[in-house]
Amino acid sequence: MTSLPRSQHMLITHPPRAKQPRVKSGGSAFKDVLSKAESGDITSIKEEHPGIFIRYKTNILSSIKFRTEELTNSCGVWICGPPRCGKDSGVRKLGDVYVKSLNKWWDGYNNQRNVLISDIDPEHGKWLGNFLKIWSDRYAFTAEIKGSSMLIRPSKIFCTSNFLMEDVFSGNILEALKARFNVFNEFDGSFTRRQETREVLSVYNRLLQLEDGLVSSASVSSSAVQEEEVSSSDEFKENKKCSKKKARLSEGNSEN
């Protein structure tokens, strides 16, 4: 059998192996998941650790550090106008926007300051009003996600529509939303400001006066401070007695 000259030997090459992503396992995987969860990077957790996410979804979501600080005022913004007048694009240009589906779920929310709910029509008004009252108020609220929930407080809730608010909602719901929403009317260029939040204590005072078993937070704080002062005073007196006793013992020892 004759062999081929060296110059005629075929050089067989293999394609380079695709670089495999590094998959963390064990404790390092959980550490990575926790770090990403605290920063709100749920997308990376789903992609890199799908098994851990499926198994520990509730715990992972509960470890996210969402903003929950109470706002100084309600935060709803209603933008209505004809189609293609720039309602949604104007909000998107603000940045840090969570585009929310027209339902009660908040899946995919990642601590964005601005929320956009677009294309609301009268059919949605049959069920959406009660949710908007809660979402646009100044307090943190429980946002529902599939299989869990989270406490959040976005800074702004933007709603866009081809309809006036009066065409979508009615009655007490409409009045409550008017109190919580600034309205940008792109039909006529007008602007209506929401009500300023002011502290109303009449209900609070009546509850303390008439409802059994309620104690004001100020009274609780005052009692705690008073108890601490009494405790400190007693401790001081006790220490003073001990000091006098020690002094008498020292004097007796020196005389002996």
Protein backbone atom coordinates (compact mmCIF):
# COMPACT_ATOMS: atom_id res chain seq x y z
CA MET A 1 0.00 0.00 0.00
CA THR A 2 1.46 3.25 -1.11
CA SER A 3 1.17 6.20 1.17
CA LEU A 4 0.43 9.68 -0.06
CA PRO A 5 3.21 12.19 -0.08
CA ARG A 6 3.22 14.35 2.99
CA SER A 7 2.31 17.39 0.91
CA GLN A 8 -0.87 15.63 -0.25
CA HIS A 9 -2.08 14.62 3.21
CA MET A 10 -5.51 16.16 3.92
CA LEU A 11 -5.59 18.33 6.96
CA ILE A 12 -8.71 17.51 8.90
CA THR A 13 -9.85 20.33 11.13
CA HIS A 14 -12.72 20.44 13.57
CA PRO A 15 -14.88 23.50 14.02
CA PRO A 16 -14.18 25.31 17.27
CA ARG A 17 -16.48 24.33 20.07
CA ALA A 18 -19.08 26.85 20.97
CA LYS A 19 -18.34 28.49 24.25
CA GLN A 20 -20.72 27.06 26.80
CA PRO A 21 -22.19 29.45 29.36
CA ARG A 22 -20.89 28.93 32.84
CA VAL A 23 -23.61 27.47 34.98
CA LYS A 24 -23.23 28.02 38.67
CA SER A 25 -24.31 25.27 40.99
CA GLY A 26 -24.88 24.66 44.66
CA GLY A 27 -24.31 27.50 47.08
CA SER A 28 -22.85 29.83 44.45
CA ALA A 29 -26.03 29.52 42.38
CA PHE A 30 -28.25 30.47 45.31
CA LYS A 31 -25.92 33.34 46.17
CA ASP A 32 -26.13 34.58 42.59
CA VAL A 33 -29.92 34.27 42.60
CA LEU A 34 -30.22 36.21 45.86
CA SER A 35 -27.95 38.98 44.58
CA LYS A 36 -29.95 39.31 41.36
CA ALA A 37 -33.26 39.15 43.23
CA GLU A 38 -32.31 41.98 45.59
CA SER A 39 -31.42 44.15 42.59
CA GLY A 40 -34.66 43.18 40.84
CA ASP A 41 -33.00 41.36 37.93
CA ILE A 42 -35.63 38.63 37.64
CA THR A 43 -35.07 38.18 33.89
CA SER A 44 -31.49 36.97 34.45
CA ILE A 45 -32.65 34.56 37.15
CA LYS A 46 -35.21 33.02 34.79
CA GLU A 47 -32.60 32.63 32.04
CA GLU A 48 -29.65 31.42 34.13
CA HIS A 49 -31.41 29.52 36.94
CA PRO A 50 -34.83 28.43 35.63
CA GLY A 51 -35.03 25.43 37.97
CA ILE A 52 -34.34 27.51 41.06
CA PHE A 53 -36.81 30.16 39.93
CA ILE A 54 -39.62 27.65 39.39
CA ARG A 55 -39.02 25.96 42.73
CA TYR A 56 -38.46 29.07 44.86
CA LYS A 57 -40.43 31.68 42.93
CA THR A 58 -42.33 33.02 45.94
CA ASN A 59 -39.19 33.35 48.09
CA ILE A 60 -37.23 34.96 45.27
CA LEU A 61 -39.89 37.56 44.57
CA SER A 62 -40.29 38.33 48.26
CA SER A 63 -36.57 39.17 48.53
CA ILE A 64 -36.72 41.89 45.88
CA LYS A 65 -36.21 45.31 47.42
CA PHE A 66 -39.12 47.23 45.91
CA ARG A 67 -39.75 50.89 46.61
CA THR A 68 -42.60 51.17 49.12
CA GLU A 69 -42.19 54.72 50.45
CA GLU A 70 -45.43 56.68 50.77
CA LEU A 71 -45.74 59.47 48.19
CA THR A 72 -46.60 63.06 49.10
CA ASN A 73 -49.70 62.99 46.89
CA SER A 74 -51.72 60.76 44.59
CA CYS A 75 -49.91 59.92 41.37
CA GLY A 76 -52.42 59.20 38.58
CA VAL A 77 -52.03 60.85 35.16
CA TRP A 78 -54.83 60.50 32.57
CA ILE A 79 -53.85 61.40 29.00
CA CYS A 80 -56.72 61.37 26.52
CA GLY A 81 -56.82 62.39 22.89
CA PRO A 82 -57.32 61.22 19.31
CA PRO A 83 -55.35 58.27 17.92
CA ARG A 84 -51.70 58.87 16.98
CA CYS A 85 -51.35 62.14 18.89
CA GLY A 86 -48.30 60.96 20.86
CA LYS A 87 -49.88 59.86 24.13
CA ASP A 88 -47.94 56.62 24.66
CA SER A 89 -44.74 57.81 23.01
CA GLY A 90 -44.67 60.87 25.25
CA VAL A 91 -44.76 58.66 28.35
CA ARG A 92 -42.21 56.18 26.99
CA LYS A 93 -39.72 58.99 26.37
CA LEU A 94 -39.70 59.69 30.11
CA GLY A 95 -37.79 56.43 30.62
CA ASP A 96 -37.90 53.85 33.42
CA VAL A 97 -41.37 52.76 32.25
CA TYR A 98 -43.19 49.51 33.00
CA VAL A 99 -45.78 48.90 30.28
CA LYS A 100 -48.57 47.18 32.12
CA SER A 101 -51.13 44.92 30.47
CA LEU A 102 -54.79 45.80 30.88
CA ASN A 103 -55.45 43.31 33.65
CA LYS A 104 -54.85 43.03 37.39
CA TRP A 105 -51.47 41.25 37.10
CA TRP A 106 -48.07 42.88 37.64
CA ASP A 107 -45.81 40.11 36.31
CA GLY A 108 -42.55 41.53 34.98
CA TYR A 109 -42.60 44.66 37.12
CA ASN A 110 -39.01 45.45 38.07
CA ASN A 111 -39.15 48.50 40.34
CA GLN A 112 -39.78 50.96 37.50
CA ARG A 113 -40.80 54.41 38.67
CA ASN A 114 -43.32 54.98 35.88
CA VAL A 115 -46.19 52.67 34.91
CA LEU A 116 -48.02 52.96 31.57
CA ILE A 117 -51.50 51.48 31.07
CA SER A 118 -52.51 52.28 27.51
CA ASP A 119 -55.62 52.28 25.34
CA ILE A 120 -58.28 52.23 28.08
CA ASP A 121 -61.85 52.23 26.77
CA PRO A 122 -65.37 52.17 28.33
CA GLU A 123 -65.41 48.37 28.37
CA HIS A 124 -62.40 48.37 30.72
CA GLY A 125 -64.14 50.91 32.93
CA LYS A 126 -66.52 48.21 34.17
CA TRP A 127 -63.77 46.60 36.29
CA LEU A 128 -60.64 48.77 36.14
CA GLY A 129 -61.79 51.70 38.29
CA ASN A 130 -61.39 50.03 41.68
CA PHE A 131 -57.85 48.94 40.82
CA LEU A 132 -56.88 52.41 39.58
CA LYS A 133 -58.13 53.95 42.83
CA ILE A 134 -55.65 51.80 44.76
CA TRP A 135 -52.76 51.98 42.31
CA SER A 136 -52.90 55.77 41.92
CA ASP A 137 -53.18 56.58 45.63
CA ARG A 138 -50.08 57.64 47.56
CA TYR A 139 -49.73 54.45 49.61
CA ALA A 140 -47.86 51.24 48.79
CA PHE A 141 -50.15 48.46 47.57
CA THR A 142 -50.07 44.70 47.11
CA ALA A 143 -49.46 43.93 43.43
CA GLU A 144 -50.64 40.51 42.31
CA ILE A 145 -48.43 38.28 40.17
CA LYS A 146 -49.07 34.71 39.08
CA GLY A 147 -48.62 32.56 42.17
CA SER A 148 -47.50 35.35 44.51
CA SER A 149 -47.71 39.06 45.34
CA MET A 150 -45.42 41.97 46.22
CA LEU A 151 -45.68 45.31 47.98
CA ILE A 152 -44.76 48.18 45.63
CA ARG A 153 -45.14 51.93 45.19
CA PRO A 154 -44.38 53.30 41.70
CA SER A 155 -44.03 57.07 41.42
CA LYS A 156 -46.50 57.61 38.57
CA ILE A 157 -49.42 55.70 37.04
CA PHE A 158 -49.96 56.93 33.47
CA CYS A 159 -53.20 55.96 31.70
CA THR A 160 -53.76 56.76 28.02
CA SER A 161 -57.11 56.63 26.24
CA ASN A 162 -59.08 57.83 23.23
CA PHE A 163 -61.85 58.70 25.69
CA LEU A 164 -62.44 61.29 28.36
CA MET A 165 -62.40 59.93 31.90
CA GLU A 166 -66.13 60.73 32.12
CA ASP A 167 -66.78 58.44 29.14
CA VAL A 168 -65.08 55.48 30.84
CA PHE A 169 -66.11 55.77 34.51
CA SER A 170 -69.11 57.07 36.41
CA GLY A 171 -70.49 57.71 39.89
CA ASN A 172 -68.29 57.47 42.97
CA ILE A 173 -65.50 55.73 41.05
CA LEU A 174 -65.24 58.69 38.67
CA GLU A 175 -65.13 61.20 41.52
CA ALA A 176 -62.46 59.19 43.34
CA LEU A 177 -60.31 59.00 40.21
CA LYS A 178 -60.68 62.72 39.50
CA ALA A 179 -59.27 63.34 42.97
CA ARG A 180 -56.25 61.15 42.20
CA PHE A 181 -55.46 62.03 38.55
CA ASN A 182 -54.03 64.95 36.66
CA VAL A 183 -55.83 65.06 33.30
CA PHE A 184 -54.06 66.03 30.07
CA ASN A 185 -56.80 66.53 27.46
CA GLU A 186 -55.25 66.42 24.00
CA PHE A 187 -58.68 66.94 22.38
CA ASP A 188 -58.77 70.59 23.43
CA GLY A 189 -55.35 71.12 25.05
CA SER A 190 -56.73 71.61 28.57
CA PHE A 191 -55.17 70.45 31.83
CA THR A 192 -57.00 69.61 35.07
CA ARG A 193 -55.01 69.17 38.26
CA ARG A 194 -55.77 66.49 40.84
CA GLN A 195 -56.75 67.40 44.39
CA GLU A 196 -53.90 68.17 46.76
CA THR A 197 -53.65 65.66 49.59
CA ARG A 198 -54.37 67.23 52.95
CA GLU A 199 -54.43 65.60 56.33
CA VAL A 200 -57.99 65.06 57.54
CA LEU A 201 -58.17 63.93 61.15
CA SER A 202 -61.93 63.92 61.74
CA VAL A 203 -62.35 60.18 61.06
CA TYR A 204 -59.17 59.38 62.98
CA ASN A 205 -60.32 61.37 66.01
CA ARG A 206 -63.79 59.81 65.93
CA LEU A 207 -62.27 56.32 65.79
CA LEU A 208 -60.17 57.02 68.87
CA GLN A 209 -63.17 58.50 70.64
CA LEU A 210 -65.83 55.92 69.79
CA GLU A 211 -64.20 52.64 68.75
CA ASP A 212 -63.29 50.21 71.55
CA GLY A 213 -59.70 49.11 72.05
CA LEU A 214 -57.91 51.70 69.91
CA VAL A 215 -54.89 53.63 71.17
CA SER A 216 -53.22 56.43 69.21
CA SER A 217 -49.69 55.83 68.00
CA ALA A 218 -48.63 59.02 69.80
CA SER A 219 -49.88 57.61 73.11
CA VAL A 220 -48.03 54.35 72.53
CA SER A 221 -44.80 56.23 71.77
CA SER A 222 -45.29 58.49 74.80
CA SER A 223 -45.90 55.50 77.08
CA ALA A 224 -42.78 53.79 75.79
CA VAL A 225 -40.68 56.90 76.41
CA GLN A 226 -42.18 57.35 79.88
CA GLU A 227 -41.50 53.70 80.72
CA GLU A 228 -37.92 54.07 79.54
CA GLU A 229 -37.47 57.21 81.63
CA VAL A 230 -38.89 55.51 84.74
CA SER A 231 -36.69 52.49 84.14
CA SER A 232 -33.63 54.68 83.71
CA SER A 233 -34.51 56.65 86.84
CA ASP A 234 -34.92 53.49 88.92
CA GLU A 235 -31.67 52.15 87.56
CA PHE A 236 -29.92 55.40 88.47
CA LYS A 237 -31.32 55.27 92.01
CA GLU A 238 -30.23 51.66 92.39
CA ASN A 239 -26.74 52.48 91.14
CA LYS A 240 -26.59 55.42 93.54
CA LYS A 241 -27.49 53.15 96.49
CA CYS A 242 -24.80 50.66 95.47
CA SER A 243 -22.23 53.46 95.22
CA LYS A 244 -23.07 54.71 98.74
CA LYS A 245 -22.88 51.18 100.12
CA LYS A 246 -19.47 50.65 98.51
CA ALA A 247 -18.27 53.96 99.93
CA ARG A 248 -19.29 52.96 103.48
CA LEU A 249 -17.54 49.59 103.13
CA SER A 250 -14.39 51.33 101.92
CA GLU A 251 -14.44 53.71 104.89
CA GLY A 252 -14.86 50.77 107.30
CA ASN A 253 -11.96 48.88 105.77
CA SER A 254 -9.68 51.92 105.93
CA GLU A 255 -10.45 52.43 109.64
CA ASN A 256 -9.59 48.77 110.37
